[in-house]
């Protein structure tokens, strides 16, 4: 049972990317290029933790980017393309 819990925690932690500075569309594009992702949908913006959650449009991959602040030009349901 403990193994399944630890596996779940490890799975969640893989998709979190911590950057210094403000989370902007350009910074998201940089991270998408590193992961070889072409189009992602902004699914959630958490201003309290400065986290943006994204979902790939062509697969079930997700990504979280956490920074010092979130840009005002980001909105939920924005599609970000490379």
PDB file of N, CA and C in Angstrom:
ATOM      1  N   UNK A   1       0.821  -1.195   0.000  1.00  0.00           N
ATOM      2  CA  UNK A   1       0.000   0.000   0.000  1.00  0.00           C
ATOM      3  C   UNK A   1       0.867   1.262   0.000  1.00  0.00           C
ATOM      4  N   UNK A   2       1.897   1.254   0.820  1.00  0.00           N
ATOM      5  CA  UNK A   2       2.783   2.411   0.893  1.00  0.00           C
ATOM      6  C   UNK A   2       3.496   2.638  -0.442  1.00  0.00           C
ATOM      7  N   UNK A   3       3.814   1.541  -1.137  1.00  0.00           N
ATOM      8  CA  UNK A   3       4.462   1.650  -2.441  1.00  0.00           C
ATOM      9  C   UNK A   3       3.593   2.383  -3.452  1.00  0.00           C
ATOM     10  N   UNK A   4       2.291   2.115  -3.447  1.00  0.00           N
ATOM     11  CA  UNK A   4       1.374   2.789  -4.365  1.00  0.00           C
ATOM     12  C   UNK A   4       1.277   4.272  -4.052  1.00  0.00           C
ATOM     13  N   UNK A   5       1.281   4.615  -2.776  1.00  0.00           N
ATOM     14  CA  UNK A   5       1.224   6.023  -2.380  1.00  0.00           C
ATOM     15  C   UNK A   5       2.488   6.745  -2.845  1.00  0.00           C
ATOM     16  N   UNK A   6       3.644   6.131  -2.623  1.00  0.00           N
ATOM     17  CA  UNK A   6       4.899   6.752  -3.047  1.00  0.00           C
ATOM     18  C   UNK A   6       4.985   6.873  -4.562  1.00  0.00           C
ATOM     19  N   UNK A   7       4.461   5.886  -5.280  1.00  0.00           N
ATOM     20  CA  UNK A   7       4.438   5.953  -6.738  1.00  0.00           C
ATOM     21  C   UNK A   7       3.564   7.114  -7.195  1.00  0.00           C
ATOM     22  N   UNK A   8       2.427   7.308  -6.543  1.00  0.00           N
ATOM     23  CA  UNK A   8       1.545   8.428  -6.877  1.00  0.00           C
ATOM     24  C   UNK A   8       2.202   9.761  -6.621  1.00  0.00           C
ATOM     25  N   UNK A   9       2.937   9.888  -5.529  1.00  0.00           N
ATOM     26  CA  UNK A   9       3.637  11.127  -5.236  1.00  0.00           C
ATOM     27  C   UNK A   9       4.748  11.385  -6.238  1.00  0.00           C
ATOM     28  N   UNK A  10       5.448  10.352  -6.638  1.00  0.00           N
ATOM     29  CA  UNK A  10       6.521  10.499  -7.617  1.00  0.00           C
ATOM     30  C   UNK A  10       5.957  10.910  -8.970  1.00  0.00           C
ATOM     31  N   UNK A  11       4.802  10.374  -9.342  1.00  0.00           N
ATOM     32  CA  UNK A  11       4.179  10.710 -10.614  1.00  0.00           C
ATOM     33  C   UNK A  11       3.776  12.174 -10.645  1.00  0.00           C
ATOM     34  N   UNK A  12       3.239  12.676  -9.551  1.00  0.00           N
ATOM     35  CA  UNK A  12       2.836  14.078  -9.493  1.00  0.00           C
ATOM     36  C   UNK A  12       4.055  14.984  -9.565  1.00  0.00           C
ATOM     37  N   UNK A  13       5.135  14.620  -8.896  1.00  0.00           N
ATOM     38  CA  UNK A  13       6.311  15.477  -8.810  1.00  0.00           C
ATOM     39  C   UNK A  13       7.060  15.588 -10.140  1.00  0.00           C
ATOM     40  N   UNK A  14       6.895  14.629 -11.032  1.00  0.00           N
ATOM     41  CA  UNK A  14       7.634  14.647 -12.294  1.00  0.00           C
ATOM     42  C   UNK A  14       7.203  15.828 -13.154  1.00  0.00           C
ATOM     43  N   UNK A  15       5.935  16.196 -13.155  1.00  0.00           N
ATOM     44  CA  UNK A  15       5.427  17.238 -14.031  1.00  0.00           C
ATOM     45  C   UNK A  15       5.599  18.647 -13.521  1.00  0.00           C
ATOM     46  N   UNK A  16       6.164  18.864 -12.327  1.00  0.00           N
ATOM     47  CA  UNK A  16       6.300  20.197 -11.765  1.00  0.00           C
ATOM     48  C   UNK A  16       7.651  20.784 -12.149  1.00  0.00           C
ATOM     49  N   UNK A  17       7.608  21.943 -12.776  1.00  0.00           N
ATOM     50  CA  UNK A  17       8.821  22.644 -13.178  1.00  0.00           C
ATOM     51  C   UNK A  17       8.850  23.965 -12.417  1.00  0.00           C
ATOM     52  N   UNK A  18       9.918  24.212 -11.704  1.00  0.00           N
ATOM     53  CA  UNK A  18      10.067  25.442 -10.936  1.00  0.00           C
ATOM     54  C   UNK A  18      11.033  26.354 -11.674  1.00  0.00           C
ATOM     55  N   UNK A  19      10.573  27.579 -11.941  1.00  0.00           N
ATOM     56  CA  UNK A  19      11.416  28.559 -12.615  1.00  0.00           C
ATOM     57  C   UNK A  19      11.567  29.783 -11.720  1.00  0.00           C
ATOM     58  N   UNK A  20      12.597  30.566 -11.970  1.00  0.00           N
ATOM     59  CA  UNK A  20      12.739  31.821 -11.254  1.00  0.00           C
ATOM     60  C   UNK A  20      12.171  32.924 -12.136  1.00  0.00           C
ATOM     61  N   UNK A  21      11.429  33.819 -11.539  1.00  0.00           N
ATOM     62  CA  UNK A  21      10.813  34.904 -12.293  1.00  0.00           C
ATOM     63  C   UNK A  21       9.333  34.646 -12.538  1.00  0.00           C
ATOM     64  N   UNK A  22       8.779  35.406 -13.449  1.00  0.00           N
ATOM     65  CA  UNK A  22       7.355  35.360 -13.756  1.00  0.00           C
ATOM     66  C   UNK A  22       7.062  34.275 -14.787  1.00  0.00           C
ATOM     67  N   UNK A  23       5.951  33.563 -14.570  1.00  0.00           N
ATOM     68  CA  UNK A  23       5.494  32.572 -15.546  1.00  0.00           C
ATOM     69  C   UNK A  23       4.767  33.333 -16.661  1.00  0.00           C
ATOM     70  N   UNK A  24       5.354  33.338 -17.841  1.00  0.00           N
ATOM     71  CA  UNK A  24       4.779  34.020 -19.006  1.00  0.00           C
ATOM     72  C   UNK A  24       4.599  33.004 -20.133  1.00  0.00           C
ATOM     73  N   UNK A  25       3.946  33.442 -21.198  1.00  0.00           N
ATOM     74  CA  UNK A  25       3.769  32.554 -22.350  1.00  0.00           C
ATOM     75  C   UNK A  25       5.112  32.157 -22.951  1.00  0.00           C
ATOM     76  N   UNK A  26       6.056  33.084 -22.980  1.00  0.00           N
ATOM     77  CA  UNK A  26       7.375  32.784 -23.533  1.00  0.00           C
ATOM     78  C   UNK A  26       8.098  31.749 -22.673  1.00  0.00           C
ATOM     79  N   UNK A  27       8.008  31.872 -21.365  1.00  0.00           N
ATOM     80  CA  UNK A  27       8.660  30.906 -20.470  1.00  0.00           C
ATOM     81  C   UNK A  27       8.005  29.525 -20.604  1.00  0.00           C
ATOM     82  N   UNK A  28       6.688  29.507 -20.811  1.00  0.00           N
ATOM     83  CA  UNK A  28       5.988  28.234 -21.018  1.00  0.00           C
ATOM     84  C   UNK A  28       6.450  27.604 -22.330  1.00  0.00           C
ATOM     85  N   UNK A  29       6.579  28.415 -23.376  1.00  0.00           N
ATOM     86  CA  UNK A  29       7.054  27.898 -24.674  1.00  0.00           C
ATOM     87  C   UNK A  29       8.451  27.290 -24.549  1.00  0.00           C
ATOM     88  N   UNK A  30       9.317  27.932 -23.773  1.00  0.00           N
ATOM     89  CA  UNK A  30      10.665  27.391 -23.561  1.00  0.00           C
ATOM     90  C   UNK A  30      10.606  25.999 -22.929  1.00  0.00           C
ATOM     91  N   UNK A  31       9.751  25.842 -21.926  1.00  0.00           N
ATOM     92  CA  UNK A  31       9.621  24.548 -21.260  1.00  0.00           C
ATOM     93  C   UNK A  31       8.977  23.517 -22.182  1.00  0.00           C
ATOM     94  N   UNK A  32       8.043  23.967 -23.038  1.00  0.00           N
ATOM     95  CA  UNK A  32       7.423  23.060 -23.998  1.00  0.00           C
ATOM     96  C   UNK A  32       8.455  22.548 -24.998  1.00  0.00           C
ATOM     97  N   UNK A  33       9.358  23.417 -25.436  1.00  0.00           N
ATOM     98  CA  UNK A  33      10.405  22.989 -26.361  1.00  0.00           C
ATOM     99  C   UNK A  33      11.320  21.963 -25.708  1.00  0.00           C
ATOM    100  N   UNK A  34      11.629  22.157 -24.427  1.00  0.00           N
ATOM    101  CA  UNK A  34      12.469  21.195 -23.713  1.00  0.00           C
ATOM    102  C   UNK A  34      11.812  19.825 -23.626  1.00  0.00           C
ATOM    103  N   UNK A  35      10.475  19.793 -23.525  1.00  0.00           N
ATOM    104  CA  UNK A  35       9.736  18.538 -23.407  1.00  0.00           C
ATOM    105  C   UNK A  35       9.224  18.033 -24.753  1.00  0.00           C
ATOM    106  N   UNK A  36       9.508  18.779 -25.846  1.00  0.00           N
ATOM    107  CA  UNK A  36       9.073  18.415 -27.196  1.00  0.00           C
ATOM    108  C   UNK A  36       7.545  18.334 -27.306  1.00  0.00           C
ATOM    109  N   UNK A  37       6.862  19.342 -26.768  1.00  0.00           N
ATOM    110  CA  UNK A  37       5.415  19.439 -26.832  1.00  0.00           C
ATOM    111  C   UNK A  37       5.044  20.597 -27.748  1.00  0.00           C
ATOM    112  N   UNK A  38       4.049  20.411 -28.609  1.00  0.00           N
ATOM    113  CA  UNK A  38       3.724  21.403 -29.631  1.00  0.00           C
ATOM    114  C   UNK A  38       2.584  22.340 -29.235  1.00  0.00           C
ATOM    115  N   UNK A  39       1.501  21.798 -28.667  1.00  0.00           N
ATOM    116  CA  UNK A  39       0.349  22.619 -28.286  1.00  0.00           C
ATOM    117  C   UNK A  39      -0.156  22.174 -26.921  1.00  0.00           C
ATOM    118  N   UNK A  40      -0.344  23.152 -26.036  1.00  0.00           N
ATOM    119  CA  UNK A  40      -0.844  22.838 -24.703  1.00  0.00           C
ATOM    120  C   UNK A  40      -1.955  23.798 -24.326  1.00  0.00           C
ATOM    121  N   UNK A  41      -2.866  23.316 -23.515  1.00  0.00           N
ATOM    122  CA  UNK A  41      -4.001  24.083 -23.030  1.00  0.00           C
ATOM    123  C   UNK A  41      -3.762  24.445 -21.578  1.00  0.00           C
ATOM    124  N   UNK A  42      -3.954  25.718 -21.229  1.00  0.00           N
ATOM    125  CA  UNK A  42      -3.855  26.145 -19.838  1.00  0.00           C
ATOM    126  C   UNK A  42      -5.125  25.687 -19.139  1.00  0.00           C
ATOM    127  N   UNK A  43      -4.990  24.754 -18.196  1.00  0.00           N
ATOM    128  CA  UNK A  43      -6.162  24.205 -17.530  1.00  0.00           C
ATOM    129  C   UNK A  43      -6.454  24.862 -16.190  1.00  0.00           C
ATOM    130  N   UNK A  44      -5.425  25.420 -15.556  1.00  0.00           N
ATOM    131  CA  UNK A  44      -5.640  26.036 -14.245  1.00  0.00           C
ATOM    132  C   UNK A  44      -4.529  27.035 -13.959  1.00  0.00           C
ATOM    133  N   UNK A  45      -4.915  28.157 -13.370  1.00  0.00           N
ATOM    134  CA  UNK A  45      -3.953  29.150 -12.902  1.00  0.00           C
ATOM    135  C   UNK A  45      -4.220  29.373 -11.427  1.00  0.00           C
ATOM    136  N   UNK A  46      -3.225  29.103 -10.599  1.00  0.00           N
ATOM    137  CA  UNK A  46      -3.337  29.294  -9.155  1.00  0.00           C
ATOM    138  C   UNK A  46      -2.448  30.471  -8.766  1.00  0.00           C
ATOM    139  N   UNK A  47      -3.076  31.609  -8.506  1.00  0.00           N
ATOM    140  CA  UNK A  47      -2.322  32.817  -8.174  1.00  0.00           C
ATOM    141  C   UNK A  47      -1.739  32.776  -6.772  1.00  0.00           C
ATOM    142  N   UNK A  48      -2.281  31.946  -5.903  1.00  0.00           N
ATOM    143  CA  UNK A  48      -1.745  31.850  -4.540  1.00  0.00           C
ATOM    144  C   UNK A  48      -0.385  31.165  -4.523  1.00  0.00           C
ATOM    145  N   UNK A  49      -0.236  30.093  -5.300  1.00  0.00           N
ATOM    146  CA  UNK A  49       1.033  29.367  -5.353  1.00  0.00           C
ATOM    147  C   UNK A  49       1.836  29.707  -6.607  1.00  0.00           C
ATOM    148  N   UNK A  50       1.305  30.624  -7.446  1.00  0.00           N
ATOM    149  CA  UNK A  50       1.959  31.038  -8.697  1.00  0.00           C
ATOM    150  C   UNK A  50       2.264  29.835  -9.587  1.00  0.00           C
ATOM    151  N   UNK A  51       1.245  28.996  -9.758  1.00  0.00           N
ATOM    152  CA  UNK A  51       1.373  27.773 -10.538  1.00  0.00           C
ATOM    153  C   UNK A  51       0.420  27.804 -11.724  1.00  0.00           C
ATOM    154  N   UNK A  52       0.927  27.389 -12.886  1.00  0.00           N
ATOM    155  CA  UNK A  52       0.105  27.252 -14.091  1.00  0.00           C
ATOM    156  C   UNK A  52       0.125  25.781 -14.480  1.00  0.00           C
ATOM    157  N   UNK A  53      -1.062  25.174 -14.623  1.00  0.00           N
ATOM    158  CA  UNK A  53      -1.168  23.779 -15.041  1.00  0.00           C
ATOM    159  C   UNK A  53      -1.574  23.745 -16.503  1.00  0.00           C
ATOM    160  N   UNK A  54      -0.901  22.867 -17.248  1.00  0.00           N
ATOM    161  CA  UNK A  54      -1.144  22.743 -18.679  1.00  0.00           C
ATOM    162  C   UNK A  54      -1.385  21.290 -19.045  1.00  0.00           C
ATOM    163  N   UNK A  55      -2.141  21.090 -20.119  1.00  0.00           N
ATOM    164  CA  UNK A  55      -2.419  19.756 -20.624  1.00  0.00           C
ATOM    165  C   UNK A  55      -2.135  19.727 -22.117  1.00  0.00           C
ATOM    166  N   UNK A  56      -1.430  18.691 -22.563  1.00  0.00           N
ATOM    167  CA  UNK A  56      -1.108  18.540 -23.982  1.00  0.00           C
ATOM    168  C   UNK A  56      -2.381  18.225 -24.756  1.00  0.00           C
ATOM    169  N   UNK A  57      -2.542  18.847 -25.913  1.00  0.00           N
ATOM    170  CA  UNK A  57      -3.751  18.639 -26.712  1.00  0.00           C
ATOM    171  C   UNK A  57      -3.748  17.308 -27.454  1.00  0.00           C
ATOM    172  N   UNK A  58      -2.580  16.689 -27.632  1.00  0.00           N
ATOM    173  CA  UNK A  58      -2.497  15.478 -28.432  1.00  0.00           C
ATOM    174  C   UNK A  58      -2.203  14.219 -27.620  1.00  0.00           C
ATOM    175  N   UNK A  59      -1.980  14.363 -26.336  1.00  0.00           N
ATOM    176  CA  UNK A  59      -1.734  13.199 -25.484  1.00  0.00           C
ATOM    177  C   UNK A  59      -2.263  13.508 -24.087  1.00  0.00           C
ATOM    178  N   UNK A  60      -2.014  12.616 -23.165  1.00  0.00           N
ATOM    179  CA  UNK A  60      -2.491  12.829 -21.802  1.00  0.00           C
ATOM    180  C   UNK A  60      -1.413  13.419 -20.898  1.00  0.00           C
ATOM    181  N   UNK A  61      -0.348  13.964 -21.489  1.00  0.00           N
ATOM    182  CA  UNK A  61       0.714  14.559 -20.693  1.00  0.00           C
ATOM    183  C   UNK A  61       0.268  15.885 -20.089  1.00  0.00           C
ATOM    184  N   UNK A  62       0.681  16.107 -18.852  1.00  0.00           N
ATOM    185  CA  UNK A  62       0.402  17.363 -18.181  1.00  0.00           C
ATOM    186  C   UNK A  62       1.706  17.950 -17.675  1.00  0.00           C
ATOM    187  N   UNK A  63       1.668  19.240 -17.383  1.00  0.00           N
ATOM    188  CA  UNK A  63       2.851  19.921 -16.907  1.00  0.00           C
ATOM    189  C   UNK A  63       2.399  21.042 -15.970  1.00  0.00           C
ATOM    190  N   UNK A  64       3.138  21.250 -14.903  1.00  0.00           N
ATOM    191  CA  UNK A  64       2.913  22.370 -13.995  1.00  0.00           C
ATOM    192  C   UNK A  64       4.157  23.219 -13.984  1.00  0.00           C
ATOM    193  N   UNK A  65       3.968  24.520 -14.090  1.00  0.00           N
ATOM    194  CA  UNK A  65       5.087  25.447 -14.011  1.00  0.00           C
ATOM    195  C   UNK A  65       4.824  26.390 -12.849  1.00  0.00           C
ATOM    196  N   UNK A  66       5.776  26.454 -11.939  1.00  0.00           N
ATOM    197  CA  UNK A  66       5.654  27.294 -10.756  1.00  0.00           C
ATOM    198  C   UNK A  66       6.759  28.338 -10.784  1.00  0.00           C
ATOM    199  N   UNK A  67       6.394  29.584 -10.546  1.00  0.00           N
ATOM    200  CA  UNK A  67       7.373  30.663 -10.554  1.00  0.00           C
ATOM    201  C   UNK A  67       7.143  31.629  -9.407  1.00  0.00           C
ATOM    202  N   UNK A  68       7.750  32.804  -9.522  1.00  0.00           N
ATOM    203  CA  UNK A  68       7.602  33.832  -8.499  1.00  0.00           C
ATOM    204  C   UNK A  68       6.298  34.601  -8.652  1.00  0.00           C
ATOM    205  N   UNK A  69       5.762  34.643  -9.870  1.00  0.00           N
ATOM    206  CA  UNK A  69       4.533  35.373 -10.168  1.00  0.00           C
ATOM    207  C   UNK A  69       3.945  34.785 -11.453  1.00  0.00           C
ATOM    208  N   UNK A  70       2.682  35.106 -11.731  1.00  0.00           N
ATOM    209  CA  UNK A  70       2.023  34.678 -12.968  1.00  0.00           C
ATOM    210  C   UNK A  70       1.655  35.922 -13.754  1.00  0.00           C
ATOM    211  N   UNK A  71       1.991  35.929 -15.034  1.00  0.00           N
ATOM    212  CA  UNK A  71       1.717  37.065 -15.902  1.00  0.00           C
ATOM    213  C   UNK A  71       0.215  37.291 -16.047  1.00  0.00           C
ATOM    214  N   UNK A  72      -0.157  38.579 -16.180  1.00  0.00           N
ATOM    215  CA  UNK A  72      -1.565  38.930 -16.339  1.00  0.00           C
ATOM    216  C   UNK A  72      -2.116  38.560 -17.712  1.00  0.00           C
ATOM    217  N   UNK A  73      -1.257  38.321 -18.696  1.00  0.00           N
ATOM    218  CA  UNK A  73      -1.743  37.985 -20.040  1.00  0.00           C
ATOM    219  C   UNK A  73      -2.087  36.504 -20.188  1.00  0.00           C
ATOM    220  N   UNK A  74      -1.886  35.705 -19.138  1.00  0.00           N
ATOM    221  CA  UNK A  74      -2.269  34.285 -19.170  1.00  0.00           C
ATOM    222  C   UNK A  74      -3.691  34.123 -18.647  1.00  0.00           C
ATOM    223  N   UNK A  75      -4.492  33.369 -19.357  1.00  0.00           N
ATOM    224  CA  UNK A  75      -5.858  33.066 -18.947  1.00  0.00           C
ATOM    225  C   UNK A  75      -6.093  31.567 -19.044  1.00  0.00           C
ATOM    226  N   UNK A  76      -7.017  31.071 -18.233  1.00  0.00           N
ATOM    227  CA  UNK A  76      -7.386  29.664 -18.349  1.00  0.00           C
ATOM    228  C   UNK A  76      -7.996  29.430 -19.720  1.00  0.00           C
ATOM    229  N   UNK A  77      -7.753  28.248 -20.256  1.00  0.00           N
ATOM    230  CA  UNK A  77      -8.232  27.801 -21.567  1.00  0.00           C
ATOM    231  C   UNK A  77      -7.511  28.478 -22.731  1.00  0.00           C
ATOM    232  N   UNK A  78      -6.398  29.176 -22.466  1.00  0.00           N
ATOM    233  CA  UNK A  78      -5.538  29.654 -23.553  1.00  0.00           C
ATOM    234  C   UNK A  78      -4.822  28.441 -24.158  1.00  0.00           C
ATOM    235  N   UNK A  79      -4.633  28.469 -25.461  1.00  0.00           N
ATOM    236  CA  UNK A  79      -3.840  27.451 -26.125  1.00  0.00           C
ATOM    237  C   UNK A  79      -2.491  28.070 -26.464  1.00  0.00           C
ATOM    238  N   UNK A  80      -1.432  27.404 -26.027  1.00  0.00           N
ATOM    239  CA  UNK A  80      -0.091  27.891 -26.262  1.00  0.00           C
ATOM    240  C   UNK A  80       0.568  26.969 -27.274  1.00  0.00           C
ATOM    241  N   UNK A  81       1.069  27.560 -28.372  1.00  0.00           N
ATOM    242  CA  UNK A  81       1.670  26.809 -29.461  1.00  0.00           C
ATOM    243  C   UNK A  81       3.128  27.216 -29.632  1.00  0.00           C
ATOM    244  N   UNK A  82       3.921  26.275 -30.084  1.00  0.00           N
ATOM    245  CA  UNK A  82       5.315  26.584 -30.421  1.00  0.00           C
ATOM    246  C   UNK A  82       5.361  26.970 -31.882  1.00  0.00           C
TER     247      UNK A  82
END
